[in-house]
Amino acid sequence: MKNEQIADWFSFNLGSTGALTGTDWKALRAAVAILELYAYDASPTLLPAFRAVALRMQETTREFAYHAIAMVFDWGDRDRIWEQAELPFISSPNKCKAEPKVTP
């Protein structure tokens, strides 16, 4: 996925990417690339790589890596993949604009 596509997706879904530093952007692009490879080849050896790059992001921007899972997979896959990568729990992640509404 191209850098512009990543930026556009996040701008549309979360409104702003202004909090991302240069390091955060590099880690986010790496996370997306790893997720794309994982979608093609679901080797569990890729999850530690996803974890490593997500942890290089600031704690306040790490949520972008969580939402990046939905860029490649589906909205419902975020928690599963995040947990499999053994990443710290995000207590109340922001809702993305395109995220399906949950009806009780």
N, C-alpha and C. Protein backbone atom coordinates (compact mmCIF):
# COMPACT_ATOMS: atom_id res chain seq x y z
N MET A 1 0.84 -1.16 0.00
CA MET A 1 0.00 0.00 0.00
C MET A 1 0.90 1.24 0.00
N LYS A 2 0.54 2.20 -0.78
CA LYS A 2 1.35 3.42 -0.90
C LYS A 2 1.14 4.34 0.30
N ASN A 3 2.16 5.14 0.59
CA ASN A 3 2.10 6.07 1.71
C ASN A 3 0.88 6.97 1.65
N GLU A 4 0.55 7.45 0.45
CA GLU A 4 -0.60 8.33 0.29
C GLU A 4 -1.90 7.62 0.64
N GLN A 5 -1.99 6.35 0.28
CA GLN A 5 -3.19 5.57 0.58
C GLN A 5 -3.35 5.41 2.10
N ILE A 6 -2.24 5.16 2.77
CA ILE A 6 -2.27 5.02 4.23
C ILE A 6 -2.72 6.33 4.86
N ALA A 7 -2.10 7.42 4.45
CA ALA A 7 -2.45 8.75 5.00
C ALA A 7 -3.91 9.08 4.72
N ASP A 8 -4.36 8.83 3.50
CA ASP A 8 -5.76 9.11 3.15
C ASP A 8 -6.74 8.29 3.99
N TRP A 9 -6.42 7.00 4.17
CA TRP A 9 -7.30 6.13 4.94
C TRP A 9 -7.44 6.65 6.37
N PHE A 10 -6.32 7.00 6.98
CA PHE A 10 -6.37 7.49 8.36
C PHE A 10 -7.01 8.87 8.45
N SER A 11 -6.74 9.73 7.50
CA SER A 11 -7.37 11.06 7.51
C SER A 11 -8.89 10.92 7.41
N PHE A 12 -9.36 10.03 6.55
CA PHE A 12 -10.80 9.82 6.39
C PHE A 12 -11.41 9.22 7.65
N ASN A 13 -10.76 8.18 8.19
CA ASN A 13 -11.35 7.43 9.30
C ASN A 13 -11.17 8.07 10.67
N LEU A 14 -10.05 8.72 10.89
CA LEU A 14 -9.80 9.29 12.22
C LEU A 14 -9.72 10.81 12.21
N GLY A 15 -9.75 11.40 11.03
CA GLY A 15 -9.78 12.85 10.93
C GLY A 15 -8.44 13.53 10.88
N SER A 16 -7.46 13.03 11.62
CA SER A 16 -6.17 13.71 11.66
C SER A 16 -5.06 12.72 11.96
N THR A 17 -3.93 12.97 11.35
CA THR A 17 -2.73 12.18 11.63
C THR A 17 -1.65 13.08 12.21
N GLY A 18 -2.05 14.26 12.67
CA GLY A 18 -1.11 15.26 13.14
C GLY A 18 -0.25 14.83 14.31
N ALA A 19 -0.71 13.88 15.11
CA ALA A 19 0.05 13.46 16.28
C ALA A 19 1.21 12.54 15.93
N LEU A 20 1.22 12.01 14.70
CA LEU A 20 2.27 11.07 14.31
C LEU A 20 3.59 11.80 14.04
N THR A 21 4.66 11.34 14.69
CA THR A 21 5.99 11.87 14.44
C THR A 21 6.59 11.16 13.23
N GLY A 22 7.77 11.55 12.82
CA GLY A 22 8.46 10.87 11.72
C GLY A 22 8.69 9.39 12.03
N THR A 23 9.07 9.10 13.27
CA THR A 23 9.27 7.70 13.68
C THR A 23 7.95 6.95 13.66
N ASP A 24 6.89 7.59 14.14
CA ASP A 24 5.58 6.94 14.14
C ASP A 24 5.15 6.57 12.72
N TRP A 25 5.35 7.49 11.78
CA TRP A 25 4.96 7.22 10.38
C TRP A 25 5.75 6.05 9.81
N LYS A 26 7.03 6.01 10.07
CA LYS A 26 7.86 4.90 9.57
C LYS A 26 7.39 3.57 10.17
N ALA A 27 7.11 3.57 11.47
CA ALA A 27 6.64 2.36 12.12
C ALA A 27 5.25 1.96 11.60
N LEU A 28 4.39 2.93 11.38
CA LEU A 28 3.05 2.64 10.86
C LEU A 28 3.12 2.04 9.46
N ARG A 29 3.95 2.62 8.61
CA ARG A 29 4.11 2.06 7.25
C ARG A 29 4.66 0.63 7.32
N ALA A 30 5.60 0.39 8.23
CA ALA A 30 6.14 -0.96 8.40
C ALA A 30 5.06 -1.91 8.91
N ALA A 31 4.24 -1.44 9.84
CA ALA A 31 3.16 -2.26 10.38
C ALA A 31 2.19 -2.67 9.27
N VAL A 32 1.83 -1.73 8.42
CA VAL A 32 0.91 -2.02 7.31
C VAL A 32 1.55 -3.05 6.37
N ALA A 33 2.82 -2.89 6.07
CA ALA A 33 3.51 -3.84 5.18
C ALA A 33 3.53 -5.24 5.80
N ILE A 34 3.78 -5.32 7.09
CA ILE A 34 3.78 -6.62 7.76
C ILE A 34 2.39 -7.23 7.74
N LEU A 35 1.37 -6.43 7.98
CA LEU A 35 0.00 -6.92 7.93
C LEU A 35 -0.38 -7.41 6.54
N GLU A 36 0.08 -6.71 5.51
CA GLU A 36 -0.20 -7.17 4.14
C GLU A 36 0.46 -8.52 3.89
N LEU A 37 1.68 -8.70 4.37
CA LEU A 37 2.35 -9.99 4.22
C LEU A 37 1.63 -11.06 5.03
N TYR A 38 1.20 -10.71 6.23
CA TYR A 38 0.48 -11.65 7.09
C TYR A 38 -0.85 -12.07 6.46
N ALA A 39 -1.50 -11.16 5.75
CA ALA A 39 -2.74 -11.51 5.06
C ALA A 39 -2.48 -12.51 3.93
N TYR A 40 -1.31 -12.44 3.35
CA TYR A 40 -0.93 -13.32 2.26
C TYR A 40 -0.38 -14.65 2.79
N ASP A 41 0.40 -14.57 3.87
CA ASP A 41 1.05 -15.73 4.46
C ASP A 41 0.90 -15.62 5.98
N ALA A 42 -0.10 -16.28 6.53
CA ALA A 42 -0.44 -16.12 7.95
C ALA A 42 0.53 -16.84 8.88
N SER A 43 1.79 -16.68 8.64
CA SER A 43 2.79 -17.29 9.51
C SER A 43 2.82 -16.54 10.84
N PRO A 44 2.71 -17.27 11.95
CA PRO A 44 2.74 -16.62 13.25
C PRO A 44 4.08 -15.93 13.54
N THR A 45 5.09 -16.21 12.75
CA THR A 45 6.38 -15.55 12.95
C THR A 45 6.33 -14.07 12.58
N LEU A 46 5.29 -13.65 11.88
CA LEU A 46 5.16 -12.24 11.50
C LEU A 46 4.57 -11.39 12.63
N LEU A 47 3.87 -12.01 13.56
CA LEU A 47 3.25 -11.25 14.63
C LEU A 47 4.27 -10.56 15.55
N PRO A 48 5.39 -11.19 15.88
CA PRO A 48 6.40 -10.46 16.67
C PRO A 48 6.97 -9.26 15.91
N ALA A 49 7.04 -9.33 14.60
CA ALA A 49 7.52 -8.19 13.81
C ALA A 49 6.50 -7.05 13.89
N PHE A 50 5.22 -7.39 13.77
CA PHE A 50 4.17 -6.37 13.90
C PHE A 50 4.24 -5.75 15.29
N ARG A 51 4.40 -6.57 16.30
CA ARG A 51 4.50 -6.08 17.68
C ARG A 51 5.68 -5.13 17.83
N ALA A 52 6.82 -5.52 17.30
CA ALA A 52 8.04 -4.71 17.43
C ALA A 52 7.87 -3.32 16.82
N VAL A 53 7.30 -3.24 15.63
CA VAL A 53 7.16 -1.92 15.01
C VAL A 53 6.06 -1.11 15.69
N ALA A 54 4.99 -1.76 16.14
CA ALA A 54 3.93 -1.03 16.85
C ALA A 54 4.48 -0.44 18.15
N LEU A 55 5.34 -1.16 18.83
CA LEU A 55 5.91 -0.67 20.08
C LEU A 55 6.93 0.45 19.87
N ARG A 56 7.37 0.65 18.65
CA ARG A 56 8.27 1.77 18.35
C ARG A 56 7.50 3.08 18.24
N MET A 57 6.20 2.99 18.15
CA MET A 57 5.36 4.19 18.10
C MET A 57 5.17 4.73 19.51
N GLN A 58 4.90 6.02 19.61
CA GLN A 58 4.57 6.60 20.91
C GLN A 58 3.34 5.88 21.46
N GLU A 59 3.27 5.78 22.75
CA GLU A 59 2.11 5.13 23.37
C GLU A 59 0.81 5.84 22.96
N THR A 60 0.88 7.15 22.79
CA THR A 60 -0.31 7.94 22.44
C THR A 60 -0.72 7.78 20.98
N THR A 61 0.15 7.27 20.14
CA THR A 61 -0.19 7.10 18.72
C THR A 61 -0.25 5.63 18.31
N ARG A 62 0.04 4.74 19.23
CA ARG A 62 0.06 3.30 18.91
C ARG A 62 -1.29 2.81 18.40
N GLU A 63 -2.34 3.50 18.78
CA GLU A 63 -3.68 3.12 18.32
C GLU A 63 -3.78 3.10 16.80
N PHE A 64 -2.98 3.91 16.12
CA PHE A 64 -2.98 3.89 14.65
C PHE A 64 -2.61 2.50 14.13
N ALA A 65 -1.67 1.84 14.78
CA ALA A 65 -1.29 0.48 14.36
C ALA A 65 -2.45 -0.49 14.58
N TYR A 66 -3.19 -0.28 15.66
CA TYR A 66 -4.37 -1.10 15.93
C TYR A 66 -5.39 -0.95 14.79
N HIS A 67 -5.66 0.29 14.41
CA HIS A 67 -6.63 0.53 13.34
C HIS A 67 -6.11 0.08 11.97
N ALA A 68 -4.79 0.06 11.82
CA ALA A 68 -4.20 -0.39 10.55
C ALA A 68 -4.58 -1.83 10.23
N ILE A 69 -4.88 -2.60 11.25
CA ILE A 69 -5.31 -3.99 11.02
C ILE A 69 -6.55 -4.00 10.14
N ALA A 70 -7.47 -3.06 10.37
CA ALA A 70 -8.71 -3.00 9.57
C ALA A 70 -8.44 -2.54 8.14
N MET A 71 -7.33 -1.88 7.91
CA MET A 71 -6.98 -1.49 6.53
C MET A 71 -6.75 -2.72 5.67
N VAL A 72 -6.16 -3.73 6.27
CA VAL A 72 -5.75 -4.92 5.53
C VAL A 72 -6.74 -6.06 5.72
N PHE A 73 -7.24 -6.21 6.92
CA PHE A 73 -8.17 -7.31 7.23
C PHE A 73 -9.59 -6.75 7.30
N ASP A 74 -10.24 -6.95 8.42
CA ASP A 74 -11.60 -6.45 8.61
C ASP A 74 -11.66 -5.82 9.99
N TRP A 75 -12.70 -5.03 10.22
CA TRP A 75 -12.83 -4.33 11.50
C TRP A 75 -12.79 -5.30 12.66
N GLY A 76 -13.45 -6.42 12.53
CA GLY A 76 -13.52 -7.41 13.61
C GLY A 76 -12.23 -8.15 13.89
N ASP A 77 -11.25 -8.01 13.02
CA ASP A 77 -9.98 -8.70 13.21
C ASP A 77 -9.00 -7.94 14.09
N ARG A 78 -9.31 -6.69 14.39
CA ARG A 78 -8.36 -5.85 15.13
C ARG A 78 -8.01 -6.45 16.49
N ASP A 79 -9.00 -6.76 17.29
CA ASP A 79 -8.72 -7.28 18.63
C ASP A 79 -7.96 -8.60 18.57
N ARG A 80 -8.38 -9.49 17.69
CA ARG A 80 -7.75 -10.81 17.60
C ARG A 80 -6.27 -10.69 17.25
N ILE A 81 -5.96 -9.94 16.21
CA ILE A 81 -4.56 -9.82 15.78
C ILE A 81 -3.74 -9.06 16.82
N TRP A 82 -4.33 -8.00 17.40
CA TRP A 82 -3.64 -7.22 18.43
C TRP A 82 -3.26 -8.12 19.61
N GLU A 83 -4.20 -8.95 20.04
CA GLU A 83 -3.95 -9.87 21.16
C GLU A 83 -2.93 -10.94 20.78
N GLN A 84 -3.03 -11.48 19.56
CA GLN A 84 -2.08 -12.50 19.13
C GLN A 84 -0.66 -11.94 19.06
N ALA A 85 -0.55 -10.65 18.76
CA ALA A 85 0.77 -9.99 18.72
C ALA A 85 1.24 -9.60 20.12
N GLU A 86 0.41 -9.88 21.13
CA GLU A 86 0.73 -9.60 22.53
C GLU A 86 1.05 -8.13 22.76
N LEU A 87 0.21 -7.28 22.18
CA LEU A 87 0.36 -5.83 22.36
C LEU A 87 -0.49 -5.36 23.52
N PRO A 88 -0.08 -4.26 24.17
CA PRO A 88 -0.82 -3.75 25.33
C PRO A 88 -2.25 -3.37 24.96
N PHE A 89 -3.16 -3.70 25.83
CA PHE A 89 -4.59 -3.43 25.66
C PHE A 89 -4.83 -1.93 25.48
N ILE A 90 -5.69 -1.60 24.52
CA ILE A 90 -6.11 -0.21 24.32
C ILE A 90 -7.52 -0.11 24.92
N SER A 91 -7.64 0.64 26.00
CA SER A 91 -8.89 0.62 26.77
C SER A 91 -10.11 1.13 26.02
N SER A 92 -10.01 2.25 25.35
CA SER A 92 -11.16 2.74 24.59
C SER A 92 -10.67 3.40 23.31
N PRO A 93 -10.42 2.57 22.29
CA PRO A 93 -9.93 3.12 21.02
C PRO A 93 -10.97 4.02 20.36
N ASN A 94 -10.48 4.99 19.63
CA ASN A 94 -11.37 5.87 18.87
C ASN A 94 -12.14 5.04 17.85
N LYS A 95 -13.31 5.49 17.52
CA LYS A 95 -14.10 4.85 16.47
C LYS A 95 -13.71 5.45 15.14
N CYS A 96 -13.56 4.61 14.14
CA CYS A 96 -13.27 5.07 12.79
C CYS A 96 -14.59 5.41 12.10
N LYS A 97 -14.51 6.36 11.21
CA LYS A 97 -15.71 6.82 10.50
C LYS A 97 -16.39 5.69 9.73
N ALA A 98 -15.61 4.83 9.09
CA ALA A 98 -16.17 3.75 8.27
C ALA A 98 -16.45 2.49 9.05
N GLU A 99 -16.10 2.49 10.33
CA GLU A 99 -16.31 1.31 11.17
C GLU A 99 -17.80 1.02 11.31
N PRO A 100 -18.21 -0.22 11.12
CA PRO A 100 -19.63 -0.55 11.26
C PRO A 100 -20.14 -0.24 12.67
N LYS A 101 -21.34 0.24 12.73
CA LYS A 101 -21.98 0.52 14.01
C LYS A 101 -22.43 -0.81 14.63
N VAL A 102 -22.20 -0.95 15.92
CA VAL A 102 -22.62 -2.15 16.64
C VAL A 102 -24.01 -1.89 17.19
N THR A 103 -24.92 -2.78 16.84
CA THR A 103 -26.28 -2.64 17.33
C THR A 103 -26.55 -3.72 18.36
N PRO A 104 -27.13 -3.33 19.49
CA PRO A 104 -27.40 -4.33 20.55
C PRO A 104 -28.50 -5.28 20.18
